[in-house]
Amino acid sequence: MAWQADNCRGCGCELSKTQSVRGICDDPECRRKDVNFQQQQRRQATLQIIRDRIPASWPDNAPIALLPRNTNALVPLLDSRIKALRRHLEQIVAEARVLPDPEFNTGETSATTNGVSVKQADLPALGAACGLCGGHCCATGGNSAWLEPDTIRRLQYQLLPVADTRIIEHYLSFLPDSSYENSCIYHAENGCSLPRAIRSNVCNQYLCKGLAEVVQGLEDGVGYCVTATVTGVSPTGIALVDASGALETLNPAAEN
């Protein structure tokens, strides 16, 4: 028989038999607040699965960092996507002509690093963790790759000014033959096909919460952290990393 609660874990009111199964009443505020509780329950379930699969040879009580996993399919790049990118480039390059030099003013969109410092962002362990993830965050890039007029103006200021058509063709020249479905147009099998120097600020700056967990885990774990990619509550990849990168990788799927 399943355990049932007598009182709502949100407001403490007495529950009916139906309500007691889920542990909360029908008040919308209680249900809203319960989302975080459910997320924590799923997280704890995932952490336990991972702990049960960690080899005895790995450091005892190593912290665990959870990251998402890109599950999109790699498909040939469609002409419609290429045309959409070209239209976007034509628009932002034209708009960049009237922008001031970025030395004095820049409106380029920035992105969160979730508390990871510039120095920490260079840790090889974060690159290893990103490799396990496979670019889940790239899904927001679409056919524009977060490129905007200020991106173009920044590049024109840093490099020698070139003709608009050359800028457009330069960006198009880095398109991969295949990219991930429902992800950034430059999201290729081995990562971003754009050189870092000409990517948007968003792409260069953004670091997810999972990577912040890796940094914290390395500090808490005396230089070691277990990093796992997760789909739903199931781990899809598990690795032991230190500040220099991955040391050992498990494939949970192969065990099933």
C-alpha atoms as a PDB file:
ATOM      1  CA  MET A   1       0.000   0.000   0.000  1.00  0.00           C
ATOM      2  CA  ALA A   2       1.399   3.407  -1.014  1.00  0.00           C
ATOM      3  CA  TRP A   3       2.268   5.915   1.715  1.00  0.00           C
ATOM      4  CA  GLN A   4      -0.268   8.706   2.058  1.00  0.00           C
ATOM      5  CA  ALA A   5       0.058  12.120   3.725  1.00  0.00           C
ATOM      6  CA  ASP A   6      -2.489  13.370   6.245  1.00  0.00           C
ATOM      7  CA  ASN A   7      -1.620  17.036   5.774  1.00  0.00           C
ATOM      8  CA  CYS A   8      -0.664  19.200   2.787  1.00  0.00           C
ATOM      9  CA  ARG A   9       3.105  19.721   2.621  1.00  0.00           C
ATOM     10  CA  GLY A  10       2.425  23.219   1.295  1.00  0.00           C
ATOM     11  CA  CYS A  11      -0.028  24.782   3.753  1.00  0.00           C
ATOM     12  CA  GLY A  12      -0.498  22.024   6.338  1.00  0.00           C
ATOM     13  CA  CYS A  13      -4.267  21.674   5.878  1.00  0.00           C
ATOM     14  CA  GLU A  14      -5.921  18.280   6.292  1.00  0.00           C
ATOM     15  CA  LEU A  15      -6.144  16.338   3.046  1.00  0.00           C
ATOM     16  CA  SER A  16      -8.914  14.251   1.562  1.00  0.00           C
ATOM     17  CA  LYS A  17      -8.140  10.652   0.618  1.00  0.00           C
ATOM     18  CA  THR A  18      -7.631  11.647  -3.027  1.00  0.00           C
ATOM     19  CA  GLN A  19      -5.386  14.593  -2.148  1.00  0.00           C
ATOM     20  CA  SER A  20      -3.341  12.558   0.330  1.00  0.00           C
ATOM     21  CA  VAL A  21      -1.984  10.365  -2.483  1.00  0.00           C
ATOM     22  CA  ARG A  22      -0.048  13.301  -3.950  1.00  0.00           C
ATOM     23  CA  GLY A  23       0.572  15.035  -0.632  1.00  0.00           C
ATOM     24  CA  ILE A  24      -0.811  18.491  -1.477  1.00  0.00           C
ATOM     25  CA  CYS A  25      -4.226  20.158  -1.533  1.00  0.00           C
ATOM     26  CA  ASP A  26      -5.945  21.724  -4.527  1.00  0.00           C
ATOM     27  CA  ASP A  27      -4.866  25.283  -3.730  1.00  0.00           C
ATOM     28  CA  PRO A  28      -3.086  26.677  -6.860  1.00  0.00           C
ATOM     29  CA  GLU A  29      -0.412  28.312  -4.695  1.00  0.00           C
ATOM     30  CA  CYS A  30       0.438  25.006  -3.020  1.00  0.00           C
ATOM     31  CA  ARG A  31       0.604  23.265  -6.391  1.00  0.00           C
ATOM     32  CA  ARG A  32       2.852  26.022  -7.768  1.00  0.00           C
ATOM     33  CA  LYS A  33       5.256  25.806  -4.849  1.00  0.00           C
ATOM     34  CA  ASP A  34       5.297  22.010  -5.106  1.00  0.00           C
ATOM     35  CA  VAL A  35       7.070  22.128  -8.473  1.00  0.00           C
ATOM     36  CA  ASN A  36      10.413  22.665  -6.736  1.00  0.00           C
ATOM     37  CA  PHE A  37       9.683  19.767  -4.354  1.00  0.00           C
ATOM     38  CA  GLN A  38       9.005  17.448  -7.300  1.00  0.00           C
ATOM     39  CA  GLN A  39      12.195  18.587  -9.023  1.00  0.00           C
ATOM     40  CA  GLN A  40      14.213  17.852  -5.912  1.00  0.00           C
ATOM     41  CA  GLN A  41      12.607  14.415  -5.607  1.00  0.00           C
ATOM     42  CA  ARG A  42      13.579  13.598  -9.196  1.00  0.00           C
ATOM     43  CA  ARG A  43      17.089  14.909  -8.592  1.00  0.00           C
ATOM     44  CA  GLN A  44      17.539  12.764  -5.500  1.00  0.00           C
ATOM     45  CA  ALA A  45      16.290   9.705  -7.379  1.00  0.00           C
ATOM     46  CA  THR A  46      18.785  10.372 -10.172  1.00  0.00           C
ATOM     47  CA  LEU A  47      21.655  10.910  -7.732  1.00  0.00           C
ATOM     48  CA  GLN A  48      20.892   7.594  -6.061  1.00  0.00           C
ATOM     49  CA  ILE A  49      20.933   5.763  -9.402  1.00  0.00           C
ATOM     50  CA  ILE A  50      24.322   7.312 -10.167  1.00  0.00           C
ATOM     51  CA  ARG A  51      25.747   6.480  -6.741  1.00  0.00           C
ATOM     52  CA  ASP A  52      24.711   2.859  -7.195  1.00  0.00           C
ATOM     53  CA  ARG A  53      26.693   2.696 -10.456  1.00  0.00           C
ATOM     54  CA  ILE A  54      29.888   4.455  -9.388  1.00  0.00           C
ATOM     55  CA  PRO A  55      32.821   1.991  -9.403  1.00  0.00           C
ATOM     56  CA  ALA A  56      34.500   1.185  -6.114  1.00  0.00           C
ATOM     57  CA  SER A  57      37.789   2.377  -7.624  1.00  0.00           C
ATOM     58  CA  TRP A  58      36.537   5.973  -7.816  1.00  0.00           C
ATOM     59  CA  PRO A  59      37.118   8.363  -4.858  1.00  0.00           C
ATOM     60  CA  ASP A  60      34.674   7.857  -1.995  1.00  0.00           C
ATOM     61  CA  ASN A  61      31.936  10.454  -1.640  1.00  0.00           C
ATOM     62  CA  ALA A  62      32.979  12.423  -4.732  1.00  0.00           C
ATOM     63  CA  PRO A  63      30.444  15.221  -5.420  1.00  0.00           C
ATOM     64  CA  ILE A  64      28.052  14.651  -8.326  1.00  0.00           C
ATOM     65  CA  ALA A  65      27.210  17.307 -10.929  1.00  0.00           C
ATOM     66  CA  LEU A  66      24.184  16.815 -13.209  1.00  0.00           C
ATOM     67  CA  LEU A  67      24.019  18.096 -16.776  1.00  0.00           C
ATOM     68  CA  PRO A  68      21.394  17.732 -19.503  1.00  0.00           C
ATOM     69  CA  ARG A  69      22.047  15.725 -22.648  1.00  0.00           C
ATOM     70  CA  ASN A  70      21.490  16.695 -26.270  1.00  0.00           C
ATOM     71  CA  THR A  71      19.185  14.026 -27.716  1.00  0.00           C
ATOM     72  CA  ASN A  72      18.471  15.651 -31.087  1.00  0.00           C
ATOM     73  CA  ALA A  73      19.217  13.777 -34.299  1.00  0.00           C
ATOM     74  CA  LEU A  74      22.085  14.763 -36.593  1.00  0.00           C
ATOM     75  CA  VAL A  75      20.586  15.448 -40.032  1.00  0.00           C
ATOM     76  CA  PRO A  76      21.730  16.951 -43.360  1.00  0.00           C
ATOM     77  CA  LEU A  77      21.521  20.746 -43.275  1.00  0.00           C
ATOM     78  CA  LEU A  78      18.417  21.882 -45.136  1.00  0.00           C
ATOM     79  CA  ASP A  79      18.554  24.605 -47.818  1.00  0.00           C
ATOM     80  CA  SER A  80      15.677  26.355 -46.062  1.00  0.00           C
ATOM     81  CA  ARG A  81      17.816  26.795 -42.953  1.00  0.00           C
ATOM     82  CA  ILE A  82      20.739  28.121 -44.959  1.00  0.00           C
ATOM     83  CA  LYS A  83      18.467  30.654 -46.681  1.00  0.00           C
ATOM     84  CA  ALA A  84      17.067  31.710 -43.320  1.00  0.00           C
ATOM     85  CA  LEU A  85      20.582  32.301 -41.979  1.00  0.00           C
ATOM     86  CA  ARG A  86      21.527  34.290 -45.076  1.00  0.00           C
ATOM     87  CA  ARG A  87      18.488  36.549 -44.655  1.00  0.00           C
ATOM     88  CA  HIS A  88      19.372  37.060 -41.010  1.00  0.00           C
ATOM     89  CA  LEU A  89      22.985  37.906 -41.846  1.00  0.00           C
ATOM     90  CA  GLU A  90      21.946  40.353 -44.551  1.00  0.00           C
ATOM     91  CA  GLN A  91      19.701  42.140 -42.065  1.00  0.00           C
ATOM     92  CA  ILE A  92      22.161  42.380 -39.162  1.00  0.00           C
ATOM     93  CA  VAL A  93      25.087  43.372 -41.396  1.00  0.00           C
ATOM     94  CA  ALA A  94      23.003  46.206 -42.824  1.00  0.00           C
ATOM     95  CA  GLU A  95      21.963  47.319 -39.335  1.00  0.00           C
ATOM     96  CA  ALA A  96      25.579  47.177 -38.131  1.00  0.00           C
ATOM     97  CA  ARG A  97      26.592  49.952 -40.545  1.00  0.00           C
ATOM     98  CA  VAL A  98      24.983  52.662 -38.391  1.00  0.00           C
ATOM     99  CA  LEU A  99      26.204  51.419 -35.013  1.00  0.00           C
ATOM    100  CA  PRO A 100      28.988  53.273 -33.141  1.00  0.00           C
ATOM    101  CA  ASP A 101      32.376  51.756 -32.524  1.00  0.00           C
ATOM    102  CA  PRO A 102      32.085  49.195 -29.686  1.00  0.00           C
ATOM    103  CA  GLU A 103      35.021  50.875 -27.921  1.00  0.00           C
ATOM    104  CA  PHE A 104      32.547  53.535 -26.839  1.00  0.00           C
ATOM    105  CA  ASN A 105      29.242  51.683 -26.828  1.00  0.00           C
ATOM    106  CA  THR A 106      28.180  48.074 -27.192  1.00  0.00           C
ATOM    107  CA  GLY A 107      24.705  46.681 -26.937  1.00  0.00           C
ATOM    108  CA  GLU A 108      25.633  43.091 -27.672  1.00  0.00           C
ATOM    109  CA  THR A 109      23.586  40.644 -25.632  1.00  0.00           C
ATOM    110  CA  SER A 110      25.444  39.007 -22.763  1.00  0.00           C
ATOM    111  CA  ALA A 111      24.748  35.660 -21.098  1.00  0.00           C
ATOM    112  CA  THR A 112      24.882  34.253 -17.585  1.00  0.00           C
ATOM    113  CA  THR A 113      27.780  32.166 -16.356  1.00  0.00           C
ATOM    114  CA  ASN A 114      25.834  30.978 -13.280  1.00  0.00           C
ATOM    115  CA  GLY A 115      28.557  32.254 -10.983  1.00  0.00           C
ATOM    116  CA  VAL A 116      31.521  30.655 -12.787  1.00  0.00           C
ATOM    117  CA  SER A 117      34.458  33.084 -12.922  1.00  0.00           C
ATOM    118  CA  VAL A 118      36.497  33.825 -16.045  1.00  0.00           C
ATOM    119  CA  LYS A 119      39.408  31.836 -14.614  1.00  0.00           C
ATOM    120  CA  GLN A 120      37.203  28.875 -13.725  1.00  0.00           C
ATOM    121  CA  ALA A 121      35.625  28.921 -17.190  1.00  0.00           C
ATOM    122  CA  ASP A 122      38.994  27.913 -18.659  1.00  0.00           C
ATOM    123  CA  LEU A 123      39.165  24.687 -16.641  1.00  0.00           C
ATOM    124  CA  PRO A 124      39.559  21.719 -19.055  1.00  0.00           C
ATOM    125  CA  ALA A 125      37.041  19.865 -16.894  1.00  0.00           C
ATOM    126  CA  LEU A 126      34.286  22.141 -18.221  1.00  0.00           C
ATOM    127  CA  GLY A 127      35.206  21.268 -21.796  1.00  0.00           C
ATOM    128  CA  ALA A 128      35.048  17.585 -20.895  1.00  0.00           C
ATOM    129  CA  ALA A 129      31.628  18.102 -19.279  1.00  0.00           C
ATOM    130  CA  CYS A 130      30.345  19.958 -22.352  1.00  0.00           C
ATOM    131  CA  GLY A 131      31.527  17.044 -24.471  1.00  0.00           C
ATOM    132  CA  LEU A 132      29.415  14.671 -22.378  1.00  0.00           C
ATOM    133  CA  CYS A 133      26.389  16.945 -22.754  1.00  0.00           C
ATOM    134  CA  GLY A 134      26.757  17.297 -26.522  1.00  0.00           C
ATOM    135  CA  GLY A 135      25.376  20.845 -26.723  1.00  0.00           C
ATOM    136  CA  HIS A 136      21.959  20.814 -25.065  1.00  0.00           C
ATOM    137  CA  CYS A 137      22.105  24.624 -24.657  1.00  0.00           C
ATOM    138  CA  CYS A 138      22.731  25.122 -28.390  1.00  0.00           C
ATOM    139  CA  ALA A 139      19.032  24.481 -29.040  1.00  0.00           C
ATOM    140  CA  THR A 140      18.327  28.191 -28.545  1.00  0.00           C
ATOM    141  CA  GLY A 141      20.568  29.178 -31.479  1.00  0.00           C
ATOM    142  CA  GLY A 142      18.085  28.306 -34.211  1.00  0.00           C
ATOM    143  CA  ASN A 143      18.936  29.754 -37.623  1.00  0.00           C
ATOM    144  CA  SER A 144      20.480  32.929 -36.203  1.00  0.00           C
ATOM    145  CA  ALA A 145      23.150  31.499 -33.857  1.00  0.00           C
ATOM    146  CA  TRP A 146      22.501  34.505 -31.572  1.00  0.00           C
ATOM    147  CA  LEU A 147      24.332  36.704 -34.093  1.00  0.00           C
ATOM    148  CA  GLU A 148      23.179  40.324 -33.950  1.00  0.00           C
ATOM    149  CA  PRO A 149      24.199  43.733 -35.370  1.00  0.00           C
ATOM    150  CA  ASP A 150      26.484  44.475 -32.410  1.00  0.00           C
ATOM    151  CA  THR A 151      28.281  41.170 -32.996  1.00  0.00           C
ATOM    152  CA  ILE A 152      29.084  42.244 -36.552  1.00  0.00           C
ATOM    153  CA  ARG A 153      30.120  45.736 -35.451  1.00  0.00           C
ATOM    154  CA  ARG A 154      32.433  44.302 -32.801  1.00  0.00           C
ATOM    155  CA  LEU A 155      34.109  42.077 -35.357  1.00  0.00           C
ATOM    156  CA  GLN A 156      34.463  44.920 -37.858  1.00  0.00           C
ATOM    157  CA  TYR A 157      36.081  47.064 -35.180  1.00  0.00           C
ATOM    158  CA  GLN A 158      38.483  44.354 -34.035  1.00  0.00           C
ATOM    159  CA  LEU A 159      39.438  43.292 -37.568  1.00  0.00           C
ATOM    160  CA  LEU A 160      40.060  45.246 -40.742  1.00  0.00           C
ATOM    161  CA  PRO A 161      36.767  46.511 -42.227  1.00  0.00           C
ATOM    162  CA  VAL A 162      35.566  44.272 -45.042  1.00  0.00           C
ATOM    163  CA  ALA A 163      32.707  44.434 -47.509  1.00  0.00           C
ATOM    164  CA  ASP A 164      29.282  43.354 -46.289  1.00  0.00           C
ATOM    165  CA  THR A 165      29.108  40.531 -48.808  1.00  0.00           C
ATOM    166  CA  ARG A 166      32.424  39.144 -47.587  1.00  0.00           C
ATOM    167  CA  ILE A 167      31.163  39.090 -44.003  1.00  0.00           C
ATOM    168  CA  ILE A 168      28.060  37.181 -45.030  1.00  0.00           C
ATOM    169  CA  GLU A 169      29.947  34.688 -47.159  1.00  0.00           C
ATOM    170  CA  HIS A 170      32.529  34.246 -44.387  1.00  0.00           C
ATOM    171  CA  TYR A 171      29.830  33.156 -41.950  1.00  0.00           C
ATOM    172  CA  LEU A 172      28.170  30.910 -44.519  1.00  0.00           C
ATOM    173  CA  SER A 173      31.500  29.220 -45.269  1.00  0.00           C
ATOM    174  CA  PHE A 174      31.535  27.633 -41.796  1.00  0.00           C
ATOM    175  CA  LEU A 175      28.189  25.873 -42.130  1.00  0.00           C
ATOM    176  CA  PRO A 176      28.465  22.114 -41.585  1.00  0.00           C
ATOM    177  CA  ASP A 177      27.046  19.542 -44.005  1.00  0.00           C
ATOM    178  CA  SER A 178      24.953  18.149 -41.141  1.00  0.00           C
ATOM    179  CA  SER A 179      23.719  19.763 -37.954  1.00  0.00           C
ATOM    180  CA  TYR A 180      21.479  18.751 -35.091  1.00  0.00           C
ATOM    181  CA  GLU A 181      17.747  18.944 -35.660  1.00  0.00           C
ATOM    182  CA  ASN A 182      15.953  21.590 -33.574  1.00  0.00           C
ATOM    183  CA  SER A 183      19.268  23.130 -32.569  1.00  0.00           C
ATOM    184  CA  CYS A 184      21.627  25.853 -33.742  1.00  0.00           C
ATOM    185  CA  ILE A 185      22.414  25.770 -37.428  1.00  0.00           C
ATOM    186  CA  TYR A 186      26.131  25.625 -36.574  1.00  0.00           C
ATOM    187  CA  HIS A 187      25.675  22.785 -34.065  1.00  0.00           C
ATOM    188  CA  ALA A 188      27.645  19.997 -35.765  1.00  0.00           C
ATOM    189  CA  GLU A 189      28.657  16.501 -34.696  1.00  0.00           C
ATOM    190  CA  ASN A 190      31.842  17.669 -32.983  1.00  0.00           C
ATOM    191  CA  GLY A 191      30.469  20.886 -31.538  1.00  0.00           C
ATOM    192  CA  CYS A 192      30.126  24.406 -32.900  1.00  0.00           C
ATOM    193  CA  SER A 193      31.478  24.779 -36.430  1.00  0.00           C
ATOM    194  CA  LEU A 194      31.976  28.544 -35.995  1.00  0.00           C
ATOM    195  CA  PRO A 195      35.406  29.690 -34.785  1.00  0.00           C
ATOM    196  CA  ARG A 196      35.104  31.098 -31.276  1.00  0.00           C
ATOM    197  CA  ALA A 197      36.367  34.527 -32.373  1.00  0.00           C
ATOM    198  CA  ILE A 198      33.316  35.172 -34.559  1.00  0.00           C
ATOM    199  CA  ARG A 199      30.636  33.612 -32.346  1.00  0.00           C
ATOM    200  CA  SER A 200      28.121  35.739 -30.488  1.00  0.00           C
ATOM    201  CA  ASN A 201      28.706  36.899 -26.929  1.00  0.00           C
ATOM    202  CA  VAL A 202      25.893  34.607 -25.791  1.00  0.00           C
ATOM    203  CA  CYS A 203      27.603  31.530 -27.217  1.00  0.00           C
ATOM    204  CA  ASN A 204      31.008  32.456 -25.840  1.00  0.00           C
ATOM    205  CA  GLN A 205      29.818  33.452 -22.377  1.00  0.00           C
ATOM    206  CA  TYR A 206      26.973  31.140 -21.404  1.00  0.00           C
ATOM    207  CA  LEU A 207      27.715  28.438 -18.841  1.00  0.00           C
ATOM    208  CA  CYS A 208      24.867  26.280 -17.558  1.00  0.00           C
ATOM    209  CA  LYS A 209      24.027  25.420 -13.940  1.00  0.00           C
ATOM    210  CA  GLY A 210      25.471  21.952 -14.468  1.00  0.00           C
ATOM    211  CA  LEU A 211      28.898  23.398 -15.285  1.00  0.00           C
ATOM    212  CA  ALA A 212      28.682  25.540 -12.165  1.00  0.00           C
ATOM    213  CA  GLU A 213      28.028  22.308 -10.253  1.00  0.00           C
ATOM    214  CA  VAL A 214      31.169  20.814 -11.802  1.00  0.00           C
ATOM    215  CA  VAL A 215      33.265  23.769 -10.611  1.00  0.00           C
ATOM    216  CA  GLN A 216      31.759  23.537  -7.125  1.00  0.00           C
ATOM    217  CA  GLY A 217      32.185  19.771  -7.130  1.00  0.00           C
ATOM    218  CA  LEU A 218      35.888  20.039  -7.941  1.00  0.00           C
ATOM    219  CA  GLU A 219      36.332  22.406  -5.008  1.00  0.00           C
ATOM    220  CA  ASP A 220      34.251  20.315  -2.594  1.00  0.00           C
ATOM    221  CA  GLY A 221      35.692  17.009  -3.760  1.00  0.00           C
ATOM    222  CA  VAL A 222      39.360  17.924  -3.322  1.00  0.00           C
ATOM    223  CA  GLY A 223      39.929  18.032  -7.062  1.00  0.00           C
ATOM    224  CA  TYR A 224      37.496  15.294  -8.163  1.00  0.00           C
ATOM    225  CA  CYS A 225      33.890  15.384  -9.341  1.00  0.00           C
ATOM    226  CA  VAL A 226      31.523  12.820 -10.822  1.00  0.00           C
ATOM    227  CA  THR A 227      29.780  14.403 -13.819  1.00  0.00           C
ATOM    228  CA  ALA A 228      26.636  12.805 -15.229  1.00  0.00           C
ATOM    229  CA  THR A 229      24.394  13.701 -18.144  1.00  0.00           C
ATOM    230  CA  VAL A 230      20.732  12.995 -17.555  1.00  0.00           C
ATOM    231  CA  THR A 231      17.618  12.513 -19.666  1.00  0.00           C
ATOM    232  CA  GLY A 232      14.521  12.562 -17.474  1.00  0.00           C
ATOM    233  CA  VAL A 233      15.793  10.839 -14.328  1.00  0.00           C
ATOM    234  CA  SER A 234      18.054   8.371 -16.140  1.00  0.00           C
ATOM    235  CA  PRO A 235      21.819   8.967 -16.438  1.00  0.00           C
ATOM    236  CA  THR A 236      23.065   8.662 -20.035  1.00  0.00           C
ATOM    237  CA  GLY A 237      26.754   9.224 -19.341  1.00  0.00           C
ATOM    238  CA  ILE A 238      28.906   9.250 -16.202  1.00  0.00           C
ATOM    239  CA  ALA A 239      32.490  10.451 -15.916  1.00  0.00           C
ATOM    240  CA  LEU A 240      35.020  11.089 -13.185  1.00  0.00           C
ATOM    241  CA  VAL A 241      36.777  14.385 -13.847  1.00  0.00           C
ATOM    242  CA  ASP A 242      39.461  16.486 -12.258  1.00  0.00           C
ATOM    243  CA  ALA A 243      40.575  20.004 -13.168  1.00  0.00           C
ATOM    244  CA  SER A 244      42.518  18.653 -16.162  1.00  0.00           C
ATOM    245  CA  GLY A 245      39.508  16.873 -17.731  1.00  0.00           C
ATOM    246  CA  ALA A 246      37.860  13.450 -17.873  1.00  0.00           C
ATOM    247  CA  LEU A 247      39.740  10.635 -16.162  1.00  0.00           C
ATOM    248  CA  GLU A 248      37.328   7.755 -16.680  1.00  0.00           C
ATOM    249  CA  THR A 249      33.951   7.455 -18.397  1.00  0.00           C
ATOM    250  CA  LEU A 250      31.103   4.969 -17.883  1.00  0.00           C
ATOM    251  CA  ASN A 251      28.256   4.248 -20.284  1.00  0.00           C
ATOM    252  CA  PRO A 252      25.161   3.497 -18.180  1.00  0.00           C
ATOM    253  CA  ALA A 253      23.154   2.508 -21.235  1.00  0.00           C
ATOM    254  CA  ALA A 254      25.579  -0.328 -21.966  1.00  0.00           C
ATOM    255  CA  GLU A 255      24.887  -1.816 -18.541  1.00  0.00           C
ATOM    256  CA  ASN A 256      21.153  -2.223 -19.182  1.00  0.00           C
END
